[in-house]
Protein backbone atom coordinates (compact mmCIF):
# COMPACT_ATOMS: atom_id res chain seq x y z
CA UNK A 1 1.64 19.64 10.36
CA UNK A 2 -0.10 16.97 8.43
CA UNK A 3 1.20 13.36 8.97
CA UNK A 4 0.81 10.07 7.12
CA UNK A 5 -1.66 8.44 9.26
CA UNK A 6 -2.64 5.40 6.82
CA UNK A 7 -0.77 3.29 4.00
CA UNK A 8 -2.70 1.23 1.40
CA UNK A 9 -1.88 -2.01 -0.15
CA UNK A 10 -3.70 -2.83 -3.51
CA UNK A 11 -4.23 -6.56 -4.14
CA UNK A 12 -5.34 -8.71 -7.32
CA UNK A 13 -6.00 -11.65 -4.29
CA UNK A 14 -6.88 -10.59 -0.82
CA UNK A 15 -5.99 -14.19 0.50
CA UNK A 16 -2.58 -14.50 -0.78
CA UNK A 17 -1.53 -10.53 -0.48
CA UNK A 18 -2.64 -10.82 3.39
CA UNK A 19 -0.80 -14.45 3.87
CA UNK A 20 2.41 -12.88 2.64
CA UNK A 21 2.46 -9.90 5.23
CA UNK A 22 1.36 -11.72 7.60
CA UNK A 23 4.03 -14.35 7.31
CA UNK A 24 6.80 -12.03 6.84
CA UNK A 25 5.55 -9.08 9.05
CA UNK A 26 3.03 -10.33 11.38
CA UNK A 27 0.48 -8.26 10.15
CA UNK A 28 -3.14 -9.08 11.27
CA UNK A 29 -5.92 -8.45 8.20
CA UNK A 30 -9.69 -8.13 9.21
CA UNK A 31 -12.32 -7.38 6.54
CA UNK A 32 -13.67 -3.77 6.39
CA UNK A 33 -17.70 -4.22 7.20
CA UNK A 34 -18.29 -1.30 4.93
CA UNK A 35 -19.79 -1.47 1.45
CA UNK A 36 -16.88 -2.12 -0.85
CA UNK A 37 -14.29 -4.68 -0.22
CA UNK A 38 -11.57 -3.36 2.03
CA UNK A 39 -9.11 -5.25 4.44
CA UNK A 40 -7.81 -3.26 8.05
CA UNK A 41 -3.97 -3.95 8.53
CA UNK A 42 -2.65 -3.97 12.10
CA UNK A 43 0.87 -3.40 12.28
CA UNK A 44 1.49 -3.68 15.72
CA UNK A 45 1.83 -1.51 18.94
CA UNK A 46 5.52 -2.09 19.64
CA UNK A 47 7.67 1.46 18.56
CA UNK A 48 6.71 3.90 15.68
CA UNK A 49 4.67 3.27 12.50
CA UNK A 50 0.97 3.52 11.34
CA UNK A 51 -1.79 0.63 10.17
CA UNK A 52 -2.94 0.56 6.83
CA UNK A 53 -5.58 -1.35 4.59
CA UNK A 54 -5.59 -3.44 1.45
CA UNK A 55 -8.18 -2.99 -1.36
CA UNK A 56 -8.96 -4.51 -4.69
CA UNK A 57 -6.45 -3.30 -7.22
CA UNK A 58 -6.20 0.33 -8.43
CA UNK A 59 -3.76 1.51 -11.05
CA UNK A 60 -2.05 4.18 -7.91
CA UNK A 61 0.12 1.56 -6.53
CA UNK A 62 0.93 1.75 -2.79
CA UNK A 63 -0.80 4.60 -1.52
CA UNK A 64 0.39 6.84 1.95
CA UNK A 65 -2.74 8.90 3.33
CA UNK A 66 -2.19 12.44 5.06
CA UNK A 67 -4.48 13.83 7.71
CA UNK A 68 -5.60 17.44 6.78
CA UNK A 69 -7.91 19.53 8.43
CA UNK A 70 -9.63 20.39 5.03
CA UNK A 71 -10.05 18.68 2.02
CA UNK A 72 -11.05 21.56 0.17
CA UNK A 73 -8.41 23.84 1.00
CA UNK A 74 -5.75 20.93 0.43
CA UNK A 75 -7.08 20.16 -2.80
CA UNK A 76 -6.93 24.17 -3.83
CA UNK A 77 -3.43 24.19 -2.08
CA UNK A 78 -2.07 21.23 -4.40
CA UNK A 79 -3.66 22.07 -7.79
CA UNK A 80 -1.58 25.72 -7.04
CA UNK A 81 1.38 23.95 -6.52
CA UNK A 82 1.51 21.89 -9.66
CA UNK A 83 -0.04 18.40 -8.09
CA UNK A 84 -3.48 17.09 -9.89
CA UNK A 85 -6.26 15.36 -8.04
CA UNK A 86 -6.67 12.26 -9.36
CA UNK A 87 -9.60 10.90 -7.45
CA UNK A 88 -12.28 13.64 -6.36
CA UNK A 89 -13.27 13.93 -2.45
CA UNK A 90 -15.75 11.25 -1.41
CA UNK A 91 -16.92 9.98 1.62
CA UNK A 92 -15.94 7.12 3.60
CA UNK A 93 -18.47 6.15 5.72
CA UNK A 94 -17.70 6.77 9.73
CA UNK A 95 -14.27 7.59 8.77
CA UNK A 96 -14.13 10.73 6.71
CA UNK A 97 -13.69 12.52 3.70
CA UNK A 98 -10.75 11.13 1.13
CA UNK A 99 -9.24 12.14 -1.98
CA UNK A 100 -6.46 11.18 -4.03
CA UNK A 101 -4.01 13.47 -5.78
CA UNK A 102 -0.13 12.85 -7.69
CA UNK A 103 2.38 15.33 -6.64
CA UNK A 104 4.69 17.10 -9.08
CA UNK A 105 6.62 13.97 -9.48
CA UNK A 106 3.62 11.96 -10.09
CA UNK A 107 3.41 10.17 -6.95
CA UNK A 108 -0.05 9.20 -5.85
CA UNK A 109 -1.10 10.32 -2.20
CA UNK A 110 -4.47 10.18 -0.10
CA UNK A 111 -5.38 13.05 1.75
CA UNK A 112 -8.13 12.41 4.66
CA UNK A 113 -10.64 14.96 6.52
CA UNK A 114 -11.45 12.90 9.24
CA UNK A 115 -15.53 12.98 10.05
CA UNK A 116 -17.01 9.94 12.21
CA UNK A 117 -20.17 11.39 10.66
CA UNK A 118 -19.34 10.77 7.41
CA UNK A 119 -21.90 8.79 5.01
């Protein structure tokens, strides 16, 4: 079964946003060393949950990302069931392939095919 493995919070002001979530929930933020501005969010180790990321504002709102075995097969299934790809697949170095889609109700999600060799 494919599971939600990551969430993303868009921001207009990384310092303000990270300060808010740190103060309210105790989350820790660390700048990702990749080519684009991105911060990893550590939500802690106690109990169930997932970690996430923060990125400059995109018009999708908060996005949950689902781990999949094949981006290409999942994209075909999304499109044949009424969903739409809203950002074509692209590589995230050392993480894998990523794409964004909207479901039949217009909700945005990411799909990730893990691949540590991604460039």
